[in-house]
Amino acid sequence: MGKEVFEKYESNVRSYCRKWPVVMKSAKGSYYTDVDGNRYIDFFDGAGALNYGHNPDYIKERILEYISNDGITHSLDMFAIAKEEFIKYFEEEYLIPKGLDYRIMFTGPTGTNAVEAALKLARKVTGRSEIWALMGAFHGMTLGTLALTTESYARGGAGVSLNNVTHIPTPDYIPGFDTIKYMRTLLEDDHSGVEKPAAIIVETVQAEGGINVFSVEFLQGLRKLCDDFGILLIVDDVQVGCSRTGTFFSFERANIVPDMVCMSKSIGGYGLPFALTLIKPEYDKFGPGEHNGTFRGSQVSIVAAKAGLELNKMQNVDGQVKEKEGLVKEYLEREIKPLLDEGETYRGIGLIWGIEFKDGKLSRAVLDKCFEKGLVIELAGRGDSVLKILPALTIDKETLVKGLNIIKESIIEVKNL
């Protein structure tokens, strides 16, 4: 089996397979296996959709049991037992214990749809059309979310104007820049020429933007700014939620409560398509069917999602992440930092880390060398200059260190150190 069929018939838009040009056959835990029997450690994690690794037994068993009993697979937004059990478990075991009061909106099964729903609802609730997003943001590829996203290559594919969004410089955009003060000035100055937005949307850690971790102080300042001016705060937890940063919701470390939270990827438990928008009850203003989608009722995904939530608690995934965070941070400081040139650095939180090189050519060379040595890993950031470390949260320490060692060896060989 080769690549010919893909290259002959699949659209040119395919991308990940260009970095890892082999045909994969199976996957388990933190390993892929290709058709030739070669194994690869997975530091890509389905772009954050596989926080519990490939084919976790507990979730797989729940899915197979549900299907074998002829459970409903598709129900739009009809009442169904699987959805009832998910809602009760999520509310009673996650939201209520954390002091969070959210209505759960089942959107189309992608992160971009969860964000689109939040944007529409924020505009409906406030009567305002503008949204503020941060430079370096990635929120999706449909037109509404693409307007929030700042990467020029992605925006160029829209083919139309991307409007009703103001992009705000992040705290690290210019050394010493005060983002909160800047936004407050825009809102208070009657000559700023900038309209008050319906909402401000933020990833607490910009993942595709290059692993930019926003400080607790910044996130708290953002919450206060929104409160002071009657602006809704939307947190996009599509990639960095579900315990990726060491708490189930990435905003918990800042002790803030967003008005809306967008979730997808690993909330699906098994890598199945699933997405939610969490809404404070007072903002639950959509009329019936005002935002809908054929696959918002995928019951198999809902079964997997509940099992993922159960597995998260059973295996104390938050605790695992905090422990492994220390391991990764220490390794990068001790083994990787001495290999970096001036201007190159590393940063991250939980189990999302990035190594920033001087340019995308060097980072791509390291990626290629990593893959040659059996590690699947992706790039992010401006010019794709950041090597993105994104393993499964349940990865065992031995495999985690083995993957980190491949990165180290690859840097040494690419830089001829």
Protein backbone atom coordinates (compact mmCIF):
# COMPACT_ATOMS: atom_id res chain seq x y z
CA MET A 1 0.00 0.00 0.00
CA GLY A 2 1.44 3.36 -1.00
CA LYS A 3 0.60 7.04 -1.23
CA GLU A 4 -0.42 6.98 -4.90
CA VAL A 5 -4.18 6.88 -4.35
CA PHE A 6 -4.05 9.94 -2.06
CA GLU A 7 -1.84 11.90 -4.40
CA LYS A 8 -4.01 11.00 -7.39
CA TYR A 9 -7.49 11.55 -5.97
CA GLU A 10 -7.37 13.55 -2.74
CA SER A 11 -7.65 17.32 -2.81
CA ASN A 12 -4.49 19.39 -2.78
CA VAL A 13 -5.69 20.94 0.49
CA ARG A 14 -4.32 17.99 2.49
CA SER A 15 -1.54 19.15 4.80
CA TYR A 16 -0.47 16.93 7.70
CA CYS A 17 0.35 14.02 5.41
CA ARG A 18 2.95 16.23 3.73
CA LYS A 19 4.91 16.35 6.98
CA TRP A 20 4.50 12.65 7.77
CA PRO A 21 4.34 10.94 4.35
CA VAL A 22 3.58 7.38 5.38
CA VAL A 23 0.36 5.36 5.43
CA MET A 24 -0.71 4.73 9.01
CA LYS A 25 -2.42 1.46 9.85
CA SER A 26 -3.18 1.49 13.56
CA ALA A 27 -2.66 3.43 16.76
CA LYS A 28 -2.70 2.63 20.46
CA GLY A 29 -1.87 4.79 23.43
CA SER A 30 0.89 7.16 22.35
CA TYR A 31 2.03 5.21 19.28
CA TYR A 32 1.13 5.08 15.61
CA THR A 33 2.06 2.06 13.47
CA ASP A 34 2.39 2.38 9.69
CA VAL A 35 1.68 -0.25 7.04
CA ASP A 36 5.33 -1.33 7.08
CA GLY A 37 5.27 -1.97 10.81
CA ASN A 38 7.24 1.14 11.82
CA ARG A 39 6.16 2.72 15.13
CA TYR A 40 6.03 6.43 15.85
CA ILE A 41 5.63 8.21 19.17
CA ASP A 42 2.74 10.67 18.93
CA PHE A 43 3.52 14.23 20.07
CA PHE A 44 0.76 15.59 17.80
CA ASP A 45 -2.25 14.14 19.62
CA GLY A 46 -4.71 14.72 16.79
CA ALA A 47 -4.10 18.47 17.16
CA GLY A 48 -5.34 18.12 20.73
CA ALA A 49 -8.28 15.78 20.03
CA LEU A 50 -6.71 12.72 21.69
CA ASN A 51 -5.90 13.77 25.23
CA TYR A 52 -6.47 10.20 26.44
CA GLY A 53 -4.37 8.68 23.68
CA HIS A 54 -5.37 6.41 20.82
CA ASN A 55 -8.10 3.82 21.41
CA PRO A 56 -8.26 3.97 25.22
CA ASP A 57 -9.79 0.69 26.35
CA TYR A 58 -12.30 2.15 28.80
CA ILE A 59 -13.88 4.50 26.25
CA LYS A 60 -13.75 1.91 23.47
CA GLU A 61 -15.66 -0.57 25.63
CA ARG A 62 -18.41 1.98 26.35
CA ILE A 63 -18.75 2.76 22.62
CA LEU A 64 -18.87 -0.90 21.55
CA GLU A 65 -21.39 -1.74 24.27
CA TYR A 66 -23.64 1.12 23.17
CA ILE A 67 -23.50 0.14 19.50
CA SER A 68 -23.99 -3.57 20.21
CA ASN A 69 -27.23 -2.72 22.06
CA ASP A 70 -28.55 -0.77 19.04
CA GLY A 71 -28.26 2.54 20.83
CA ILE A 72 -29.51 5.53 18.88
CA THR A 73 -26.67 6.89 16.75
CA HIS A 74 -28.30 10.02 15.35
CA SER A 75 -31.05 12.10 16.93
CA LEU A 76 -30.49 15.77 16.11
CA ASP A 77 -31.63 17.45 19.35
CA MET A 78 -34.31 14.95 20.32
CA PHE A 79 -34.29 13.72 23.89
CA ALA A 80 -32.09 10.64 24.18
CA ILE A 81 -30.75 8.58 27.07
CA ALA A 82 -27.07 9.00 26.13
CA LYS A 83 -27.43 12.78 26.06
CA GLU A 84 -29.32 12.80 29.36
CA GLU A 85 -26.57 10.79 31.03
CA PHE A 86 -23.87 13.03 29.62
CA ILE A 87 -25.59 16.24 30.75
CA LYS A 88 -26.16 14.93 34.28
CA TYR A 89 -22.60 13.67 34.62
CA PHE A 90 -20.98 16.80 33.21
CA GLU A 91 -23.10 19.12 35.37
CA GLU A 92 -22.92 17.12 38.60
CA GLU A 93 -19.30 15.95 38.43
CA TYR A 94 -17.59 18.88 36.68
CA LEU A 95 -19.56 22.11 36.46
CA ILE A 96 -21.40 22.30 39.78
CA PRO A 97 -18.39 21.21 41.92
CA LYS A 98 -16.36 23.97 40.24
CA GLY A 99 -19.05 26.55 41.01
CA LEU A 100 -19.91 26.94 37.31
CA ASP A 101 -23.49 27.56 36.21
CA TYR A 102 -23.71 26.93 32.47
CA ARG A 103 -26.36 25.82 30.04
CA ILE A 104 -24.94 23.28 27.60
CA MET A 105 -25.48 23.95 23.89
CA PHE A 106 -24.82 21.01 21.58
CA THR A 107 -23.52 22.62 18.41
CA GLY A 108 -22.27 21.11 15.17
CA PRO A 109 -19.44 18.72 16.05
CA THR A 110 -16.45 20.97 15.37
CA GLY A 111 -14.62 23.61 17.33
CA THR A 112 -15.26 26.24 14.70
CA ASN A 113 -19.03 25.64 15.04
CA ALA A 114 -18.88 26.03 18.81
CA VAL A 115 -17.15 29.37 18.34
CA GLU A 116 -19.55 30.46 15.59
CA ALA A 117 -22.44 29.78 17.97
CA ALA A 118 -20.82 31.88 20.69
CA LEU A 119 -20.22 34.78 18.30
CA LYS A 120 -23.81 34.75 17.03
CA LEU A 121 -25.19 34.55 20.54
CA ALA A 122 -22.97 37.35 21.87
CA ARG A 123 -24.14 39.61 19.04
CA LYS A 124 -27.77 38.67 19.64
CA VAL A 125 -27.58 39.26 23.40
CA THR A 126 -25.78 42.62 23.23
CA GLY A 127 -27.10 43.99 19.96
CA ARG A 128 -23.54 44.84 18.99
CA SER A 129 -21.71 43.42 15.99
CA GLU A 130 -18.00 43.85 16.76
CA ILE A 131 -15.83 41.19 18.38
CA TRP A 132 -12.34 41.75 19.75
CA ALA A 133 -9.76 39.01 19.31
CA LEU A 134 -6.05 38.88 20.03
CA MET A 135 -3.22 38.92 17.54
CA GLY A 136 -1.84 35.40 17.18
CA ALA A 137 -5.29 33.87 17.69
CA PHE A 138 -6.64 30.81 15.94
CA HIS A 139 -10.36 30.16 16.36
CA GLY A 140 -11.39 28.25 13.24
CA MET A 141 -11.69 28.19 9.47
CA THR A 142 -15.33 29.09 8.78
CA LEU A 143 -15.92 32.73 7.89
CA GLY A 144 -16.94 34.00 11.32
CA THR A 145 -14.10 32.27 13.13
CA LEU A 146 -11.63 32.98 10.35
CA ALA A 147 -12.30 36.68 10.88
CA LEU A 148 -10.98 36.16 14.44
CA THR A 149 -7.96 34.16 13.27
CA THR A 150 -4.88 36.23 12.42
CA GLU A 151 -2.67 33.87 10.40
CA SER A 152 -2.44 35.47 6.97
CA TYR A 153 -2.25 32.25 4.94
CA ALA A 154 -5.49 30.94 6.44
CA ARG A 155 -7.24 34.30 6.05
CA GLY A 156 -6.16 34.48 2.43
CA GLY A 157 -8.23 31.42 1.64
CA ALA A 158 -11.51 33.13 2.54
CA GLY A 159 -12.02 34.88 -0.79
CA VAL A 160 -14.15 37.57 0.84
CA SER A 161 -13.64 40.39 3.30
CA LEU A 162 -13.40 39.30 6.93
CA ASN A 163 -15.21 41.94 8.93
CA ASN A 164 -16.57 42.97 12.33
CA VAL A 165 -13.44 42.03 14.26
CA THR A 166 -10.77 44.21 15.87
CA HIS A 167 -7.47 42.52 16.60
CA ILE A 168 -5.70 43.60 19.77
CA PRO A 169 -1.93 43.29 20.37
CA THR A 170 -1.02 40.71 23.01
CA PRO A 171 1.13 41.57 26.04
CA ASP A 172 4.24 40.16 24.33
CA TYR A 173 3.54 41.69 20.91
CA ILE A 174 5.71 44.69 21.79
CA PRO A 175 8.02 44.47 24.83
CA GLY A 176 6.34 46.17 27.75
CA PHE A 177 2.99 46.59 26.00
CA ASP A 178 -0.01 46.87 28.34
CA THR A 179 -2.85 45.17 26.49
CA ILE A 180 -5.47 45.79 29.16
CA LYS A 181 -4.64 49.49 29.38
CA TYR A 182 -4.76 49.74 25.58
CA MET A 183 -8.22 48.17 25.40
CA ARG A 184 -9.49 50.35 28.23
CA THR A 185 -8.20 53.42 26.41
CA LEU A 186 -9.98 52.38 23.20
CA LEU A 187 -13.23 52.04 25.13
CA GLU A 188 -12.93 55.27 27.08
CA ASP A 189 -11.60 57.53 24.31
CA ASP A 190 -14.44 59.09 22.31
CA HIS A 191 -11.97 59.61 19.46
CA SER A 192 -10.56 56.07 19.28
CA GLY A 193 -12.83 55.27 16.35
CA VAL A 194 -13.27 51.74 17.70
CA GLU A 195 -16.72 50.45 18.61
CA LYS A 196 -17.42 48.66 21.87
CA PRO A 197 -17.54 44.96 21.07
CA ALA A 198 -20.20 42.42 21.87
CA ALA A 199 -17.49 40.11 23.20
CA ILE A 200 -13.78 39.55 23.62
CA ILE A 201 -12.63 36.03 22.78
CA VAL A 202 -9.42 34.52 24.09
CA GLU A 203 -7.49 31.27 24.19
CA THR A 204 -5.84 31.27 27.60
CA VAL A 205 -2.92 29.63 25.82
CA GLN A 206 -2.53 30.43 22.14
CA ALA A 207 -1.74 27.03 20.69
CA GLU A 208 -1.50 27.51 16.93
CA GLY A 209 -0.20 31.01 17.67
CA GLY A 210 3.02 29.54 19.05
CA ILE A 211 2.28 28.33 22.60
CA ASN A 212 1.76 31.77 24.10
CA VAL A 213 0.67 31.37 27.73
CA PHE A 214 -1.30 34.33 29.06
CA SER A 215 -0.61 35.22 32.66
CA VAL A 216 -3.11 34.96 35.49
CA GLU A 217 -2.90 38.73 35.88
CA PHE A 218 -3.76 39.30 32.24
CA LEU A 219 -6.72 36.93 32.31
CA GLN A 220 -8.06 38.49 35.52
CA GLY A 221 -7.59 41.95 34.01
CA LEU A 222 -9.51 40.86 30.94
CA ARG A 223 -12.40 39.58 33.06
CA LYS A 224 -12.54 42.87 34.97
CA LEU A 225 -12.41 44.91 31.77
CA CYS A 226 -15.36 42.98 30.36
CA ASP A 227 -17.29 43.46 33.60
CA ASP A 228 -16.56 47.18 33.69
CA PHE A 229 -17.82 47.79 30.16
CA GLY A 230 -20.59 45.22 29.80
CA ILE A 231 -18.69 43.05 27.32
CA LEU A 232 -19.06 39.27 27.19
CA LEU A 233 -15.95 37.18 27.73
CA ILE A 234 -15.65 34.06 25.58
CA VAL A 235 -12.93 31.49 26.31
CA ASP A 236 -11.98 29.20 23.44
CA ASP A 237 -11.04 25.96 25.20
CA VAL A 238 -11.19 23.84 22.07
CA GLN A 239 -7.52 22.82 22.14
CA VAL A 240 -6.27 23.74 25.60
CA GLY A 241 -9.27 22.56 27.62
CA CYS A 242 -9.99 19.05 28.92
CA SER A 243 -7.04 19.14 31.38
CA ARG A 244 -4.37 20.11 28.84
CA THR A 245 -3.05 22.91 31.09
CA GLY A 246 -3.41 20.95 34.36
CA THR A 247 -7.01 21.85 35.18
CA PHE A 248 -10.05 20.65 33.26
CA PHE A 249 -10.87 24.18 32.09
CA SER A 250 -7.83 26.21 31.16
CA PHE A 251 -9.20 29.35 32.84
CA GLU A 252 -9.37 27.77 36.30
CA ARG A 253 -5.81 28.80 37.13
CA ALA A 254 -6.91 32.44 36.90
CA ASN A 255 -10.00 31.91 39.07
CA ILE A 256 -12.24 33.59 36.49
CA VAL A 257 -15.63 32.61 35.05
CA PRO A 258 -16.17 33.31 31.34
CA ASP A 259 -19.63 34.13 30.01
CA MET A 260 -19.26 31.45 27.36
CA VAL A 261 -16.85 28.57 26.87
CA CYS A 262 -16.23 26.78 23.56
CA MET A 263 -15.18 23.14 23.68
CA SER A 264 -14.44 20.48 21.08
CA LYS A 265 -11.58 18.10 20.24
CA SER A 266 -10.87 16.12 23.43
CA ILE A 267 -14.31 16.68 24.92
CA GLY A 268 -15.21 13.94 22.42
CA GLY A 269 -13.19 11.49 24.51
CA TYR A 270 -12.11 9.17 21.72
CA GLY A 271 -11.28 11.55 18.92
CA LEU A 272 -14.90 11.47 17.74
CA PRO A 273 -16.42 14.74 16.45
CA PHE A 274 -18.16 16.57 19.29
CA ALA A 275 -18.48 20.19 20.39
CA LEU A 276 -20.20 22.24 23.05
CA THR A 277 -20.79 25.89 23.82
CA LEU A 278 -21.30 26.55 27.52
CA ILE A 279 -23.46 29.60 28.22
CA LYS A 280 -24.31 31.47 31.41
CA PRO A 281 -28.09 31.04 31.84
CA GLU A 282 -28.86 34.73 31.50
CA TYR A 283 -27.37 34.72 28.00
CA ASP A 284 -29.20 31.62 26.77
CA LYS A 285 -31.27 33.67 24.30
CA PHE A 286 -31.33 31.65 21.08
CA GLY A 287 -34.79 30.72 19.88
CA PRO A 288 -35.53 27.07 19.02
CA GLY A 289 -33.46 26.05 16.00
CA GLU A 290 -31.88 29.49 15.65
CA HIS A 291 -28.49 27.80 15.56
CA ASN A 292 -28.57 24.14 14.63
CA GLY A 293 -26.75 21.37 12.77
CA THR A 294 -27.54 17.86 11.57
CA PHE A 295 -24.84 16.18 13.64
CA ARG A 296 -25.32 17.98 16.94
CA GLY A 297 -27.07 14.81 18.08
CA SER A 298 -24.34 12.24 17.40
CA GLN A 299 -25.08 9.91 20.30
CA VAL A 300 -21.99 7.73 19.82
CA SER A 301 -19.83 10.83 20.28
CA ILE A 302 -21.85 11.72 23.37
CA VAL A 303 -21.30 8.24 24.82
CA ALA A 304 -17.57 8.58 24.17
CA ALA A 305 -17.57 12.06 25.70
CA LYS A 306 -19.13 10.88 28.95
CA ALA A 307 -16.68 7.97 29.10
CA GLY A 308 -13.84 10.45 28.55
CA LEU A 309 -15.04 12.54 31.48
CA GLU A 310 -15.20 9.40 33.62
CA LEU A 311 -11.73 8.32 32.55
CA ASN A 312 -10.38 11.78 33.32
CA LYS A 313 -11.50 11.43 36.93
CA MET A 314 -10.60 7.74 37.28
CA GLN A 315 -7.02 8.36 36.19
CA ASN A 316 -6.62 11.75 37.91
CA VAL A 317 -5.56 13.31 34.61
CA ASP A 318 -5.18 16.79 36.12
CA GLY A 319 -2.69 15.39 38.60
CA GLN A 320 -0.87 13.46 35.88
CA VAL A 321 -0.49 16.60 33.80
CA LYS A 322 0.90 18.66 36.66
CA GLU A 323 3.45 15.95 37.43
CA LYS A 324 4.52 15.55 33.80
CA GLU A 325 4.61 19.32 33.34
CA GLY A 326 7.49 19.41 35.80
CA LEU A 327 9.27 16.64 33.93
CA VAL A 328 8.98 18.42 30.56
CA LYS A 329 9.94 21.80 31.96
CA GLU A 330 13.02 20.39 33.69
CA TYR A 331 14.05 18.49 30.55
CA LEU A 332 13.72 21.54 28.33
CA GLU A 333 15.72 23.66 30.75
CA ARG A 334 18.47 21.10 31.25
CA GLU A 335 18.75 19.39 27.86
CA ILE A 336 17.25 21.69 25.21
CA LYS A 337 18.04 25.23 26.35
CA PRO A 338 21.84 24.75 25.98
CA LEU A 339 21.24 23.80 22.32
CA LEU A 340 19.36 26.99 21.49
CA ASP A 341 20.89 30.11 19.97
CA GLU A 342 20.27 33.67 21.07
CA GLY A 343 16.67 34.60 20.41
CA GLU A 344 15.52 30.98 20.53
CA THR A 345 13.50 29.86 23.52
CA TYR A 346 10.94 27.46 24.93
CA ARG A 347 7.66 28.04 26.77
CA GLY A 348 4.50 26.26 27.79
CA ILE A 349 2.25 24.97 30.54
CA GLY A 350 0.81 21.61 31.47
CA LEU A 351 1.43 19.32 28.51
CA ILE A 352 1.53 21.92 25.77
CA TRP A 353 5.02 23.27 25.08
CA GLY A 354 6.83 24.93 22.25
CA ILE A 355 10.47 25.33 21.24
CA GLU A 356 10.89 28.47 19.16
CA PHE A 357 13.67 28.52 16.57
CA LYS A 358 15.04 31.48 14.66
CA ASP A 359 13.00 30.64 11.57
CA GLY A 360 10.60 28.14 10.06
CA LYS A 361 13.26 26.55 7.88
CA LEU A 362 15.19 25.38 10.94
CA SER A 363 12.09 24.21 12.81
CA ARG A 364 10.95 22.24 9.77
CA ALA A 365 14.35 20.59 9.50
CA VAL A 366 14.06 19.52 13.14
CA LEU A 367 10.53 18.22 12.52
CA ASP A 368 11.72 16.17 9.55
CA LYS A 369 14.57 14.72 11.56
CA CYS A 370 12.19 13.87 14.43
CA PHE A 371 9.92 11.99 12.05
CA GLU A 372 12.88 10.15 10.57
CA LYS A 373 13.68 9.01 14.12
CA GLY A 374 10.10 7.94 14.87
CA LEU A 375 8.36 10.97 16.37
CA VAL A 376 5.23 12.63 14.97
CA ILE A 377 5.32 16.30 15.94
CA GLU A 378 3.87 19.52 14.52
CA LEU A 379 4.83 23.18 14.05
CA ALA A 380 3.02 26.34 15.14
CA GLY A 381 3.55 30.07 15.55
CA ARG A 382 4.65 32.83 13.25
CA GLY A 383 6.41 31.42 10.23
CA ASP A 384 5.92 27.92 11.67
CA SER A 385 9.00 28.57 13.78
CA VAL A 386 7.75 26.77 16.90
CA LEU A 387 8.11 23.01 17.39
CA LYS A 388 4.92 22.06 19.23
CA ILE A 389 5.07 19.41 21.96
CA LEU A 390 1.53 18.06 22.43
CA PRO A 391 1.52 14.47 23.74
CA ALA A 392 -1.43 12.56 25.15
CA LEU A 393 -2.07 13.56 28.75
CA THR A 394 -1.97 9.89 29.73
CA ILE A 395 1.39 9.21 28.08
CA ASP A 396 3.71 7.17 30.31
CA LYS A 397 6.85 8.91 31.51
CA GLU A 398 9.20 6.54 29.72
CA THR A 399 7.60 7.27 26.33
CA LEU A 400 7.46 10.99 27.12
CA VAL A 401 11.19 11.10 27.83
CA LYS A 402 11.91 8.95 24.79
CA GLY A 403 10.11 11.49 22.61
CA LEU A 404 11.94 14.38 24.24
CA ASN A 405 15.23 12.60 23.62
CA ILE A 406 14.36 12.35 19.91
CA ILE A 407 13.81 16.11 19.85
CA LYS A 408 17.17 16.67 21.50
CA GLU A 409 18.99 14.33 19.11
CA SER A 410 17.27 15.94 16.14
CA ILE A 411 18.29 19.46 17.17
CA ILE A 412 21.88 18.34 17.65
CA GLU A 413 22.02 16.72 14.22
CA VAL A 414 20.26 19.57 12.38
CA LYS A 415 22.47 22.20 14.02
CA ASN A 416 25.59 20.01 13.69
CA LEU A 417 26.38 20.52 17.37
